[in-house]
Amino acid sequence: MAGLANFMAILGVVLLLQVNIQSATALDRDDLAPALAPFLDELCKEVVCGKGTCKASLDYKFNYECECEDGWKRSRADNEEDLKFLPCVIPNCTLDYSCTASPPPVAPINEAPRNESVFDPCYYAYCGEGTCVKSMKYGHRCECNPGFNNLLNITAFPCYNECVIGNDCASLGITSSKDTSSSTGSKSGDNSNDASSSRSGSLVWLTALIMFVAMIPRA
């Protein structure tokens, strides 16, 4: 429950900032930045970017972006300019779907949601040959269909048939050997198995602080 409370509190702050800061001038944002710095630091502690690094700024959608490591993408789209808030879970290596019926469909995500979908991690998640399931404690997990496995054996990553994985994916630490992945991937799953933080504590106080600062009348 604590993890869900933290997630909801942070997203509440984000929605408030989107309303108040989008209409502010550049000078206003510069004035607010020092006061909101603690919030931005906490935001990146809660966000999980997969094979990427969280970077926080008032100029970003949701006030953060995921900077992907070399060889990783946020989606299967060619242009990810508007998708930088997504986690980096798609390997940029050969995925040969000729051994399967067809590649799994991808629901288009053209922009960050502006309604209740912001609270649904499955709105963003790409699970490949699996189903996204919201987890109250961790955010989401991908439950794979029979014959498919989570990439790197981490449940937040998409589900693939191992025959899809190309030889060049080995440079990213991805192997098509079930024996190898099962022996090495279980430890990774213990440490970072889901797509959100399970840190204890509450950020309700932080929510109240940001609301207060954001609502201060500008001179």
N, C-alpha and C. Protein backbone atom coordinates (compact mmCIF):
# COMPACT_ATOMS: atom_id res chain seq x y z
N MET A 1 0.82 -1.20 0.00
CA MET A 1 0.00 0.00 0.00
C MET A 1 0.86 1.26 0.00
N ALA A 2 2.03 1.20 0.71
CA ALA A 2 2.90 2.38 0.76
C ALA A 2 3.40 2.73 -0.63
N GLY A 3 3.76 1.70 -1.43
CA GLY A 3 4.25 1.96 -2.78
C GLY A 3 3.19 2.64 -3.63
N LEU A 4 1.93 2.19 -3.52
CA LEU A 4 0.85 2.80 -4.28
C LEU A 4 0.61 4.23 -3.82
N ALA A 5 0.68 4.46 -2.50
CA ALA A 5 0.47 5.81 -1.98
C ALA A 5 1.53 6.76 -2.51
N ASN A 6 2.78 6.30 -2.55
CA ASN A 6 3.86 7.13 -3.09
C ASN A 6 3.61 7.45 -4.56
N PHE A 7 3.24 6.43 -5.33
CA PHE A 7 3.01 6.60 -6.77
C PHE A 7 1.89 7.60 -7.03
N MET A 8 0.77 7.46 -6.29
CA MET A 8 -0.37 8.35 -6.48
C MET A 8 -0.02 9.77 -6.06
N ALA A 9 0.74 9.91 -4.96
CA ALA A 9 1.11 11.24 -4.50
C ALA A 9 1.96 11.96 -5.53
N ILE A 10 2.94 11.24 -6.09
CA ILE A 10 3.82 11.86 -7.09
C ILE A 10 3.04 12.25 -8.34
N LEU A 11 2.16 11.38 -8.81
CA LEU A 11 1.39 11.70 -10.01
C LEU A 11 0.43 12.85 -9.75
N GLY A 12 -0.07 12.96 -8.51
CA GLY A 12 -0.90 14.10 -8.18
C GLY A 12 -0.13 15.40 -8.29
N VAL A 13 1.11 15.37 -7.82
CA VAL A 13 1.97 16.54 -7.94
C VAL A 13 2.22 16.87 -9.40
N VAL A 14 2.50 15.84 -10.19
CA VAL A 14 2.79 16.03 -11.61
C VAL A 14 1.62 16.68 -12.33
N LEU A 15 0.41 16.22 -12.07
CA LEU A 15 -0.76 16.80 -12.71
C LEU A 15 -0.92 18.26 -12.33
N LEU A 16 -0.68 18.56 -11.07
CA LEU A 16 -0.77 19.95 -10.62
C LEU A 16 0.26 20.81 -11.33
N LEU A 17 1.49 20.30 -11.43
CA LEU A 17 2.54 21.06 -12.09
C LEU A 17 2.23 21.28 -13.56
N GLN A 18 1.65 20.28 -14.21
CA GLN A 18 1.31 20.42 -15.62
C GLN A 18 0.33 21.58 -15.81
N VAL A 19 -0.62 21.72 -14.90
CA VAL A 19 -1.63 22.78 -15.03
C VAL A 19 -1.03 24.14 -14.75
N ASN A 20 -0.22 24.24 -13.69
CA ASN A 20 0.28 25.53 -13.25
C ASN A 20 1.51 25.99 -14.02
N ILE A 21 2.40 25.06 -14.36
CA ILE A 21 3.68 25.46 -14.95
C ILE A 21 3.58 25.65 -16.45
N GLN A 22 2.68 24.93 -17.12
CA GLN A 22 2.58 25.07 -18.57
C GLN A 22 2.19 26.49 -18.97
N SER A 23 1.43 27.17 -18.10
CA SER A 23 1.00 28.53 -18.41
C SER A 23 1.97 29.57 -17.88
N ALA A 24 3.00 29.14 -17.19
CA ALA A 24 3.96 30.08 -16.63
C ALA A 24 4.97 30.51 -17.68
N THR A 25 5.57 31.69 -17.47
CA THR A 25 6.62 32.16 -18.36
C THR A 25 7.92 31.46 -18.01
N ALA A 26 8.90 31.61 -18.88
CA ALA A 26 10.20 31.01 -18.61
C ALA A 26 10.79 31.55 -17.31
N LEU A 27 10.57 32.84 -17.04
CA LEU A 27 11.08 33.44 -15.82
C LEU A 27 10.41 32.83 -14.60
N ASP A 28 9.09 32.60 -14.70
CA ASP A 28 8.37 31.96 -13.60
C ASP A 28 8.95 30.59 -13.30
N ARG A 29 9.21 29.80 -14.34
CA ARG A 29 9.75 28.46 -14.14
C ARG A 29 11.13 28.53 -13.50
N ASP A 30 11.94 29.52 -13.91
CA ASP A 30 13.26 29.67 -13.31
C ASP A 30 13.14 29.99 -11.83
N ASP A 31 12.14 30.82 -11.48
CA ASP A 31 11.94 31.18 -10.08
C ASP A 31 11.47 29.98 -9.26
N LEU A 32 10.65 29.12 -9.87
CA LEU A 32 10.11 27.97 -9.15
C LEU A 32 11.11 26.83 -9.02
N ALA A 33 12.05 26.76 -9.94
CA ALA A 33 12.94 25.60 -10.00
C ALA A 33 13.64 25.29 -8.68
N PRO A 34 14.23 26.28 -7.98
CA PRO A 34 14.91 25.94 -6.72
C PRO A 34 13.96 25.35 -5.68
N ALA A 35 12.75 25.90 -5.59
CA ALA A 35 11.79 25.40 -4.60
C ALA A 35 11.32 23.99 -4.93
N LEU A 36 11.28 23.67 -6.23
CA LEU A 36 10.78 22.36 -6.64
C LEU A 36 11.89 21.32 -6.81
N ALA A 37 13.13 21.73 -6.59
CA ALA A 37 14.25 20.80 -6.75
C ALA A 37 14.10 19.53 -5.91
N PRO A 38 13.67 19.64 -4.63
CA PRO A 38 13.50 18.40 -3.84
C PRO A 38 12.48 17.45 -4.46
N PHE A 39 11.40 18.02 -5.02
CA PHE A 39 10.40 17.18 -5.68
C PHE A 39 10.99 16.44 -6.87
N LEU A 40 11.77 17.15 -7.67
CA LEU A 40 12.36 16.54 -8.86
C LEU A 40 13.32 15.42 -8.46
N ASP A 41 14.06 15.63 -7.37
CA ASP A 41 14.96 14.58 -6.90
C ASP A 41 14.18 13.35 -6.48
N GLU A 42 13.07 13.55 -5.75
CA GLU A 42 12.26 12.42 -5.30
C GLU A 42 11.58 11.73 -6.48
N LEU A 43 11.20 12.51 -7.49
CA LEU A 43 10.52 11.94 -8.65
C LEU A 43 11.38 10.87 -9.31
N CYS A 44 12.65 11.16 -9.52
CA CYS A 44 13.52 10.19 -10.19
C CYS A 44 13.86 9.01 -9.30
N LYS A 45 13.65 9.13 -8.00
CA LYS A 45 13.82 7.98 -7.12
C LYS A 45 12.66 7.01 -7.26
N GLU A 46 11.50 7.52 -7.68
CA GLU A 46 10.31 6.69 -7.82
C GLU A 46 10.17 6.12 -9.23
N VAL A 47 10.69 6.84 -10.23
CA VAL A 47 10.54 6.41 -11.62
C VAL A 47 11.55 5.31 -11.94
N VAL A 48 11.10 4.28 -12.63
CA VAL A 48 12.00 3.23 -13.12
C VAL A 48 12.07 3.33 -14.64
N CYS A 49 13.26 3.47 -15.18
CA CYS A 49 13.45 3.67 -16.62
C CYS A 49 13.95 2.43 -17.34
N GLY A 50 13.91 1.27 -16.70
CA GLY A 50 14.41 0.07 -17.36
C GLY A 50 15.90 0.20 -17.62
N LYS A 51 16.31 0.00 -18.87
CA LYS A 51 17.72 0.17 -19.25
C LYS A 51 17.96 1.62 -19.64
N GLY A 52 17.68 2.51 -18.70
CA GLY A 52 17.85 3.94 -18.94
C GLY A 52 18.03 4.67 -17.62
N THR A 53 18.25 5.98 -17.72
CA THR A 53 18.48 6.82 -16.55
C THR A 53 17.45 7.93 -16.52
N CYS A 54 16.86 8.15 -15.36
CA CYS A 54 15.86 9.21 -15.21
C CYS A 54 16.54 10.56 -15.11
N LYS A 55 16.04 11.52 -15.89
CA LYS A 55 16.49 12.91 -15.83
C LYS A 55 15.27 13.79 -15.59
N ALA A 56 15.32 14.61 -14.55
CA ALA A 56 14.17 15.43 -14.17
C ALA A 56 14.37 16.89 -14.57
N SER A 57 13.29 17.50 -15.04
CA SER A 57 13.30 18.92 -15.40
C SER A 57 11.87 19.40 -15.53
N LEU A 58 11.62 20.65 -15.19
CA LEU A 58 10.29 21.22 -15.34
C LEU A 58 9.89 21.35 -16.80
N ASP A 59 10.84 21.24 -17.71
CA ASP A 59 10.55 21.40 -19.13
C ASP A 59 10.09 20.10 -19.80
N TYR A 60 10.15 18.97 -19.08
CA TYR A 60 9.81 17.68 -19.67
C TYR A 60 8.36 17.33 -19.39
N LYS A 61 7.78 16.49 -20.26
CA LYS A 61 6.49 15.89 -19.97
C LYS A 61 6.62 15.08 -18.68
N PHE A 62 5.65 15.23 -17.82
CA PHE A 62 5.68 14.56 -16.51
C PHE A 62 6.88 15.00 -15.69
N ASN A 63 7.61 16.01 -16.18
CA ASN A 63 8.77 16.57 -15.49
C ASN A 63 9.96 15.60 -15.39
N TYR A 64 9.97 14.57 -16.24
CA TYR A 64 11.12 13.69 -16.30
C TYR A 64 11.20 13.05 -17.68
N GLU A 65 12.38 12.55 -18.02
CA GLU A 65 12.59 11.76 -19.22
C GLU A 65 13.50 10.58 -18.88
N CYS A 66 13.38 9.52 -19.66
CA CYS A 66 14.27 8.37 -19.53
C CYS A 66 15.30 8.42 -20.65
N GLU A 67 16.56 8.57 -20.29
CA GLU A 67 17.65 8.55 -21.26
C GLU A 67 18.15 7.12 -21.39
N CYS A 68 17.94 6.53 -22.56
CA CYS A 68 18.24 5.11 -22.76
C CYS A 68 19.73 4.84 -22.90
N GLU A 69 20.15 3.69 -22.38
CA GLU A 69 21.50 3.21 -22.62
C GLU A 69 21.65 2.84 -24.10
N ASP A 70 22.87 2.80 -24.57
CA ASP A 70 23.12 2.40 -25.95
C ASP A 70 22.53 1.02 -26.20
N GLY A 71 21.81 0.89 -27.30
CA GLY A 71 21.24 -0.40 -27.66
C GLY A 71 19.83 -0.63 -27.14
N TRP A 72 19.24 0.37 -26.50
CA TRP A 72 17.89 0.21 -25.95
C TRP A 72 16.99 1.34 -26.41
N LYS A 73 15.70 1.03 -26.59
CA LYS A 73 14.70 2.00 -27.02
C LYS A 73 13.52 1.97 -26.06
N ARG A 74 12.66 2.97 -26.22
CA ARG A 74 11.46 3.06 -25.39
C ARG A 74 10.27 2.37 -26.04
N SER A 75 10.31 2.26 -27.37
CA SER A 75 9.17 1.71 -28.10
C SER A 75 9.68 1.14 -29.42
N ARG A 76 8.77 0.59 -30.21
CA ARG A 76 9.12 0.10 -31.54
C ARG A 76 8.93 1.18 -32.60
N ALA A 77 8.59 2.38 -32.19
CA ALA A 77 8.40 3.49 -33.13
C ALA A 77 9.76 4.01 -33.59
N ASP A 78 9.81 4.52 -34.81
CA ASP A 78 11.05 5.08 -35.34
C ASP A 78 11.38 6.42 -34.69
N ASN A 79 10.34 7.20 -34.40
CA ASN A 79 10.53 8.52 -33.79
C ASN A 79 10.00 8.49 -32.36
N GLU A 80 10.90 8.63 -31.40
CA GLU A 80 10.51 8.58 -29.99
C GLU A 80 10.56 9.95 -29.33
N GLU A 81 10.56 11.00 -30.13
CA GLU A 81 10.71 12.35 -29.58
C GLU A 81 9.62 12.66 -28.56
N ASP A 82 8.40 12.18 -28.79
CA ASP A 82 7.29 12.45 -27.88
C ASP A 82 7.06 11.33 -26.88
N LEU A 83 7.97 10.37 -26.83
CA LEU A 83 7.79 9.20 -25.96
C LEU A 83 8.91 9.06 -24.94
N LYS A 84 9.58 10.15 -24.64
CA LYS A 84 10.76 10.07 -23.78
C LYS A 84 10.42 9.79 -22.33
N PHE A 85 9.14 9.82 -21.98
CA PHE A 85 8.75 9.49 -20.61
C PHE A 85 8.59 7.99 -20.41
N LEU A 86 8.69 7.20 -21.50
CA LEU A 86 8.54 5.75 -21.40
C LEU A 86 9.83 5.10 -20.93
N PRO A 87 9.75 3.94 -20.26
CA PRO A 87 10.96 3.22 -19.85
C PRO A 87 11.65 2.57 -21.04
N CYS A 88 12.95 2.36 -20.92
CA CYS A 88 13.75 1.78 -21.99
C CYS A 88 13.76 0.26 -21.84
N VAL A 89 12.85 -0.42 -22.53
CA VAL A 89 12.71 -1.87 -22.37
C VAL A 89 12.73 -2.61 -23.71
N ILE A 90 12.94 -1.90 -24.81
CA ILE A 90 12.95 -2.53 -26.13
C ILE A 90 14.39 -2.61 -26.63
N PRO A 91 14.91 -3.81 -26.88
CA PRO A 91 16.29 -3.92 -27.36
C PRO A 91 16.40 -3.49 -28.82
N ASN A 92 17.42 -2.71 -29.12
CA ASN A 92 17.66 -2.27 -30.50
C ASN A 92 18.61 -3.27 -31.16
N CYS A 93 18.11 -4.48 -31.33
CA CYS A 93 18.88 -5.54 -31.98
C CYS A 93 17.91 -6.36 -32.82
N THR A 94 18.40 -7.39 -33.46
CA THR A 94 17.56 -8.16 -34.38
C THR A 94 16.51 -8.97 -33.62
N LEU A 95 15.25 -8.73 -33.98
CA LEU A 95 14.13 -9.53 -33.47
C LEU A 95 13.43 -10.11 -34.69
N ASP A 96 13.69 -11.36 -34.98
CA ASP A 96 13.19 -12.02 -36.19
C ASP A 96 11.91 -12.78 -35.87
N TYR A 97 10.78 -12.22 -36.33
CA TYR A 97 9.48 -12.82 -36.01
C TYR A 97 9.06 -13.89 -37.02
N SER A 98 9.96 -14.29 -37.91
CA SER A 98 9.60 -15.30 -38.91
C SER A 98 9.30 -16.65 -38.27
N CYS A 99 9.77 -16.86 -37.05
CA CYS A 99 9.51 -18.12 -36.36
C CYS A 99 8.18 -18.11 -35.61
N THR A 100 7.50 -16.97 -35.65
CA THR A 100 6.20 -16.86 -34.99
C THR A 100 5.16 -16.42 -36.01
N ALA A 101 3.92 -16.39 -35.59
CA ALA A 101 2.84 -16.02 -36.51
C ALA A 101 3.00 -14.59 -37.01
N SER A 102 3.28 -13.67 -36.10
CA SER A 102 3.44 -12.26 -36.45
C SER A 102 3.91 -11.52 -35.21
N PRO A 103 4.52 -10.35 -35.40
CA PRO A 103 4.91 -9.58 -34.22
C PRO A 103 3.68 -9.09 -33.47
N PRO A 104 3.74 -9.01 -32.15
CA PRO A 104 2.59 -8.54 -31.38
C PRO A 104 2.25 -7.10 -31.73
N PRO A 105 0.98 -6.76 -31.78
CA PRO A 105 0.59 -5.39 -32.12
C PRO A 105 0.99 -4.41 -31.03
N VAL A 106 1.19 -3.17 -31.43
CA VAL A 106 1.56 -2.12 -30.49
C VAL A 106 0.50 -1.04 -30.54
N ALA A 107 -0.08 -0.74 -29.39
CA ALA A 107 -1.05 0.36 -29.33
C ALA A 107 -0.30 1.67 -29.43
N PRO A 108 -0.72 2.58 -30.32
CA PRO A 108 0.00 3.85 -30.47
C PRO A 108 -0.13 4.72 -29.24
N ILE A 109 0.99 5.32 -28.82
CA ILE A 109 0.99 6.29 -27.73
C ILE A 109 1.59 7.56 -28.30
N ASN A 110 0.76 8.50 -28.64
CA ASN A 110 1.23 9.70 -29.31
C ASN A 110 1.60 10.81 -28.35
N GLU A 111 1.08 10.76 -27.12
CA GLU A 111 1.39 11.78 -26.14
C GLU A 111 1.08 11.27 -24.75
N ALA A 112 1.59 11.98 -23.76
CA ALA A 112 1.27 11.61 -22.39
C ALA A 112 -0.21 11.82 -22.14
N PRO A 113 -0.87 10.90 -21.43
CA PRO A 113 -2.31 11.04 -21.19
C PRO A 113 -2.61 12.23 -20.31
N ARG A 114 -3.79 12.81 -20.50
CA ARG A 114 -4.21 13.98 -19.73
C ARG A 114 -5.45 13.68 -18.90
N ASN A 115 -5.77 12.41 -18.70
CA ASN A 115 -6.94 12.05 -17.91
C ASN A 115 -6.56 10.98 -16.91
N GLU A 116 -7.55 10.18 -16.46
CA GLU A 116 -7.27 9.17 -15.44
C GLU A 116 -6.29 8.10 -15.90
N SER A 117 -6.02 8.00 -17.20
CA SER A 117 -5.07 6.99 -17.69
C SER A 117 -3.67 7.22 -17.15
N VAL A 118 -3.39 8.44 -16.66
CA VAL A 118 -2.07 8.71 -16.12
C VAL A 118 -1.78 7.83 -14.92
N PHE A 119 -2.82 7.35 -14.23
CA PHE A 119 -2.64 6.51 -13.06
C PHE A 119 -2.56 5.03 -13.42
N ASP A 120 -2.66 4.69 -14.68
CA ASP A 120 -2.66 3.29 -15.11
C ASP A 120 -1.33 2.97 -15.79
N PRO A 121 -0.41 2.26 -15.11
CA PRO A 121 0.88 1.96 -15.73
C PRO A 121 0.76 1.13 -16.99
N CYS A 122 -0.35 0.39 -17.13
CA CYS A 122 -0.53 -0.44 -18.32
C CYS A 122 -0.89 0.40 -19.55
N TYR A 123 -1.20 1.68 -19.36
CA TYR A 123 -1.44 2.56 -20.51
C TYR A 123 -0.16 2.69 -21.33
N TYR A 124 0.99 2.67 -20.64
CA TYR A 124 2.27 2.86 -21.31
C TYR A 124 2.97 1.56 -21.64
N ALA A 125 2.75 0.53 -20.83
CA ALA A 125 3.59 -0.67 -20.88
C ALA A 125 3.42 -1.42 -22.19
N TYR A 126 4.54 -1.89 -22.73
CA TYR A 126 4.53 -2.80 -23.87
C TYR A 126 4.97 -4.16 -23.37
N CYS A 127 4.09 -5.15 -23.47
CA CYS A 127 4.37 -6.48 -22.93
C CYS A 127 4.61 -7.52 -24.00
N GLY A 128 4.63 -7.13 -25.28
CA GLY A 128 4.89 -8.11 -26.32
C GLY A 128 3.84 -9.21 -26.31
N GLU A 129 4.29 -10.47 -26.23
CA GLU A 129 3.39 -11.61 -26.17
C GLU A 129 3.01 -11.91 -24.72
N GLY A 130 2.44 -10.91 -24.10
CA GLY A 130 2.03 -11.05 -22.71
C GLY A 130 0.95 -10.04 -22.38
N THR A 131 0.47 -10.10 -21.16
CA THR A 131 -0.59 -9.21 -20.71
C THR A 131 -0.08 -8.36 -19.56
N CYS A 132 -0.35 -7.06 -19.64
CA CYS A 132 0.05 -6.16 -18.56
C CYS A 132 -0.92 -6.30 -17.40
N VAL A 133 -0.37 -6.43 -16.21
CA VAL A 133 -1.17 -6.54 -15.00
C VAL A 133 -0.69 -5.48 -14.02
N LYS A 134 -1.61 -4.63 -13.57
CA LYS A 134 -1.25 -3.64 -12.57
C LYS A 134 -0.94 -4.33 -11.25
N SER A 135 0.10 -3.87 -10.61
CA SER A 135 0.49 -4.40 -9.31
C SER A 135 0.40 -3.28 -8.29
N MET A 136 -0.36 -3.51 -7.23
CA MET A 136 -0.56 -2.46 -6.23
C MET A 136 0.75 -2.02 -5.61
N LYS A 137 1.69 -2.95 -5.45
CA LYS A 137 2.93 -2.63 -4.77
C LYS A 137 4.00 -2.12 -5.71
N TYR A 138 4.08 -2.65 -6.92
CA TYR A 138 5.21 -2.37 -7.78
C TYR A 138 4.90 -1.59 -9.04
N GLY A 139 3.64 -1.45 -9.42
CA GLY A 139 3.34 -0.74 -10.65
C GLY A 139 2.74 -1.66 -11.69
N HIS A 140 3.57 -2.43 -12.40
CA HIS A 140 3.03 -3.37 -13.38
C HIS A 140 3.99 -4.53 -13.60
N ARG A 141 3.45 -5.60 -14.14
CA ARG A 141 4.26 -6.72 -14.57
C ARG A 141 3.66 -7.27 -15.86
N CYS A 142 4.49 -7.90 -16.66
CA CYS A 142 4.03 -8.54 -17.90
C CYS A 142 3.90 -10.04 -17.66
N GLU A 143 2.68 -10.54 -17.72
CA GLU A 143 2.44 -11.98 -17.58
C GLU A 143 2.46 -12.60 -18.98
N CYS A 144 3.45 -13.45 -19.22
CA CYS A 144 3.69 -13.98 -20.56
C CYS A 144 2.74 -15.11 -20.93
N ASN A 145 2.39 -15.15 -22.21
CA ASN A 145 1.60 -16.27 -22.73
C ASN A 145 2.47 -17.53 -22.74
N PRO A 146 1.85 -18.71 -22.80
CA PRO A 146 2.63 -19.96 -22.84
C PRO A 146 3.63 -19.96 -23.99
N GLY A 147 4.86 -20.36 -23.71
CA GLY A 147 5.89 -20.41 -24.73
C GLY A 147 6.70 -19.13 -24.86
N PHE A 148 6.39 -18.13 -24.04
CA PHE A 148 7.09 -16.85 -24.11
C PHE A 148 7.67 -16.53 -22.73
N ASN A 149 8.73 -15.71 -22.74
CA ASN A 149 9.42 -15.36 -21.50
C ASN A 149 9.72 -13.87 -21.46
N ASN A 150 9.76 -13.32 -20.24
CA ASN A 150 10.15 -11.92 -20.06
C ASN A 150 11.61 -11.74 -20.46
N LEU A 151 11.86 -10.66 -21.19
CA LEU A 151 13.22 -10.33 -21.56
C LEU A 151 14.06 -10.15 -20.30
N LEU A 152 15.23 -10.75 -20.28
CA LEU A 152 16.15 -10.70 -19.14
C LEU A 152 15.55 -11.27 -17.87
N ASN A 153 14.43 -12.00 -18.01
CA ASN A 153 13.73 -12.57 -16.86
C ASN A 153 13.31 -11.53 -15.83
N ILE A 154 13.05 -10.31 -16.30
CA ILE A 154 12.54 -9.24 -15.45
C ILE A 154 11.09 -9.01 -15.83
N THR A 155 10.18 -9.11 -14.88
CA THR A 155 8.76 -9.16 -15.21
C THR A 155 8.22 -7.85 -15.78
N ALA A 156 8.94 -6.74 -15.63
CA ALA A 156 8.48 -5.49 -16.22
C ALA A 156 8.82 -5.38 -17.70
N PHE A 157 9.67 -6.30 -18.21
CA PHE A 157 10.09 -6.26 -19.60
C PHE A 157 9.15 -7.10 -20.47
N PRO A 158 9.11 -6.82 -21.79
CA PRO A 158 8.19 -7.52 -22.69
C PRO A 158 8.46 -9.02 -22.76
N CYS A 159 7.45 -9.74 -23.25
CA CYS A 159 7.53 -11.20 -23.40
C CYS A 159 7.85 -11.56 -24.86
N TYR A 160 8.84 -12.41 -25.05
CA TYR A 160 9.23 -12.85 -26.38
C TYR A 160 9.41 -14.37 -26.40
N ASN A 161 9.25 -14.95 -27.59
CA ASN A 161 9.69 -16.32 -27.81
C ASN A 161 11.19 -16.26 -28.06
N GLU A 162 11.96 -17.17 -27.45
CA GLU A 162 13.41 -17.07 -27.57
C GLU A 162 13.90 -17.22 -29.00
N CYS A 163 13.08 -17.81 -29.89
CA CYS A 163 13.51 -17.95 -31.28
C CYS A 163 13.59 -16.60 -31.98
N VAL A 164 12.93 -15.58 -31.42
CA VAL A 164 12.91 -14.25 -32.02
C VAL A 164 14.25 -13.54 -31.82
N ILE A 165 14.95 -13.85 -30.74
CA ILE A 165 16.15 -13.13 -30.35
C ILE A 165 17.30 -13.41 -31.30
N GLY A 166 17.83 -12.35 -31.92
CA GLY A 166 18.94 -12.49 -32.85
C GLY A 166 20.28 -12.62 -32.14
N ASN A 167 21.28 -13.10 -32.85
CA ASN A 167 22.61 -13.29 -32.27
C ASN A 167 23.23 -11.99 -31.79
N ASP A 168 22.92 -10.87 -32.49
CA ASP A 168 23.52 -9.60 -32.11
C ASP A 168 22.97 -9.07 -30.79
N CYS A 169 21.89 -9.66 -30.28
CA CYS A 169 21.33 -9.22 -29.00
C CYS A 169 22.23 -9.61 -27.83
N ALA A 170 23.16 -10.54 -28.07
CA ALA A 170 24.06 -10.97 -26.99
C ALA A 170 24.89 -9.81 -26.46
N SER A 171 25.17 -8.81 -27.31
CA SER A 171 25.95 -7.67 -26.87
C SER A 171 25.22 -6.83 -25.83
N LEU A 172 23.90 -7.02 -25.73
CA LEU A 172 23.08 -6.31 -24.74
C LEU A 172 22.82 -7.18 -23.52
N GLY A 173 23.47 -8.33 -23.47
CA GLY A 173 23.26 -9.23 -22.35
C GLY A 173 22.06 -10.12 -22.50
N ILE A 174 21.50 -10.18 -23.72
CA ILE A 174 20.31 -10.99 -23.98
C ILE A 174 20.73 -12.27 -24.67
N THR A 175 20.34 -13.39 -24.13
CA THR A 175 20.69 -14.68 -24.72
C THR A 175 19.42 -15.44 -25.07
N SER A 176 19.51 -16.27 -26.09
CA SER A 176 18.36 -17.08 -26.48
C SER A 176 18.35 -18.43 -25.80
N SER A 177 19.30 -18.66 -24.92
CA SER A 177 19.37 -19.93 -24.20
C SER A 177 18.53 -19.85 -22.94
N LYS A 178 17.53 -20.69 -22.83
CA LYS A 178 16.69 -20.71 -21.64
C LYS A 178 17.49 -21.10 -20.40
N ASP A 179 18.41 -22.04 -20.58
CA ASP A 179 19.20 -22.49 -19.43
C ASP A 179 20.03 -21.35 -18.86
N THR A 180 20.67 -20.58 -19.76
CA THR A 180 21.51 -19.48 -19.30
C THR A 180 20.69 -18.38 -18.67
N SER A 181 19.57 -18.03 -19.32
CA SER A 181 18.76 -16.94 -18.80
C SER A 181 18.14 -17.29 -17.47
N SER A 182 17.76 -18.57 -17.28
CA SER A 182 17.13 -18.96 -16.03
C SER A 182 18.12 -18.96 -14.88
N SER A 183 19.39 -19.24 -15.16
CA SER A 183 20.38 -19.30 -14.10
C SER A 183 20.91 -17.94 -13.71
N THR A 184 20.93 -16.99 -14.67
CA THR A 184 21.47 -15.67 -14.38
C THR A 184 20.40 -14.63 -14.19
N GLY A 185 19.23 -14.85 -14.76
CA GLY A 185 18.20 -13.81 -14.72
C GLY A 185 17.45 -13.75 -13.41
N SER A 186 17.42 -14.84 -12.63
CA SER A 186 16.64 -14.85 -11.41
C SER A 186 17.14 -13.83 -10.41
N LYS A 187 18.48 -13.63 -10.37
CA LYS A 187 19.02 -12.65 -9.45
C LYS A 187 18.62 -11.25 -9.86
N SER A 188 18.61 -10.97 -11.16
CA SER A 188 18.18 -9.66 -11.62
C SER A 188 16.75 -9.40 -11.25
N GLY A 189 15.92 -10.43 -11.38
CA GLY A 189 14.51 -10.27 -11.06
C GLY A 189 14.29 -9.93 -9.61
N ASP A 190 15.16 -10.44 -8.70
CA ASP A 190 14.99 -10.16 -7.29
C ASP A 190 15.24 -8.70 -6.99
N ASN A 191 16.15 -8.06 -7.76
CA ASN A 191 16.54 -6.71 -7.46
C ASN A 191 15.68 -5.66 -8.14
N SER A 192 15.24 -5.94 -9.39
CA SER A 192 14.51 -4.91 -10.14
C SER A 192 13.42 -5.57 -10.95
N ASN A 193 12.51 -6.25 -10.29
CA ASN A 193 11.57 -7.13 -10.97
C ASN A 193 10.34 -6.43 -11.49
N ASP A 194 10.06 -5.22 -11.09
CA ASP A 194 8.84 -4.56 -11.51
C ASP A 194 9.11 -3.11 -11.83
N ALA A 195 8.14 -2.49 -12.54
CA ALA A 195 8.38 -1.18 -13.13
C ALA A 195 7.95 -0.05 -12.25
N SER A 196 8.27 -0.09 -11.00
CA SER A 196 8.06 1.03 -10.10
C SER A 196 8.79 0.75 -8.82
N SER A 197 9.03 1.78 -8.00
CA SER A 197 9.78 1.60 -6.78
C SER A 197 8.90 1.08 -5.67
N SER A 198 9.48 0.28 -4.74
CA SER A 198 8.75 -0.21 -3.58
C SER A 198 9.27 0.46 -2.32
N ARG A 199 9.87 1.62 -2.45
CA ARG A 199 10.39 2.32 -1.29
C ARG A 199 9.28 2.62 -0.32
N SER A 200 9.60 2.43 0.97
CA SER A 200 8.60 2.68 2.00
C SER A 200 8.52 4.16 2.31
N GLY A 201 7.53 4.53 3.12
CA GLY A 201 7.34 5.92 3.50
C GLY A 201 6.26 6.57 2.68
N SER A 202 6.00 7.83 2.96
CA SER A 202 4.91 8.54 2.30
C SER A 202 5.41 9.86 1.74
N LEU A 203 4.87 10.24 0.58
CA LEU A 203 5.22 11.53 -0.03
C LEU A 203 4.06 12.51 0.05
N VAL A 204 3.12 12.24 0.95
CA VAL A 204 1.97 13.15 1.07
C VAL A 204 2.43 14.54 1.47
N TRP A 205 3.42 14.61 2.39
CA TRP A 205 3.93 15.92 2.80
C TRP A 205 4.52 16.67 1.63
N LEU A 206 5.17 15.95 0.75
CA LEU A 206 5.78 16.57 -0.42
C LEU A 206 4.72 17.11 -1.36
N THR A 207 3.62 16.36 -1.50
CA THR A 207 2.51 16.81 -2.32
C THR A 207 1.98 18.14 -1.82
N ALA A 208 1.75 18.22 -0.51
CA ALA A 208 1.22 19.45 0.07
C ALA A 208 2.17 20.61 -0.14
N LEU A 209 3.47 20.36 0.01
CA LEU A 209 4.46 21.42 -0.17
C LEU A 209 4.46 21.95 -1.59
N ILE A 210 4.45 21.05 -2.57
CA ILE A 210 4.48 21.48 -3.97
C ILE A 210 3.21 22.23 -4.33
N MET A 211 2.06 21.76 -3.84
CA MET A 211 0.81 22.47 -4.09
C MET A 211 0.88 23.89 -3.55
N PHE A 212 1.44 24.03 -2.35
CA PHE A 212 1.54 25.35 -1.75
C PHE A 212 2.43 26.26 -2.57
N VAL A 213 3.60 25.75 -2.96
CA VAL A 213 4.55 26.56 -3.72
C VAL A 213 3.99 26.94 -5.08
N ALA A 214 3.36 25.97 -5.76
CA ALA A 214 2.86 26.21 -7.11
C ALA A 214 1.71 27.20 -7.13
N MET A 215 0.99 27.31 -6.02
CA MET A 215 -0.19 28.18 -5.99
C MET A 215 0.11 29.57 -5.45
N ILE A 216 1.37 29.83 -5.08
CA ILE A 216 1.71 31.17 -4.60
C ILE A 216 1.50 32.18 -5.73
N PRO A 217 0.73 33.24 -5.50
CA PRO A 217 0.48 34.23 -6.56
C PRO A 217 1.79 34.85 -7.02
N ARG A 218 1.90 35.00 -8.33
CA ARG A 218 3.09 35.63 -8.90
C ARG A 218 2.96 37.13 -8.84
N ALA A 219 4.07 37.82 -8.56
CA ALA A 219 4.04 39.28 -8.48
C ALA A 219 3.90 39.87 -9.87
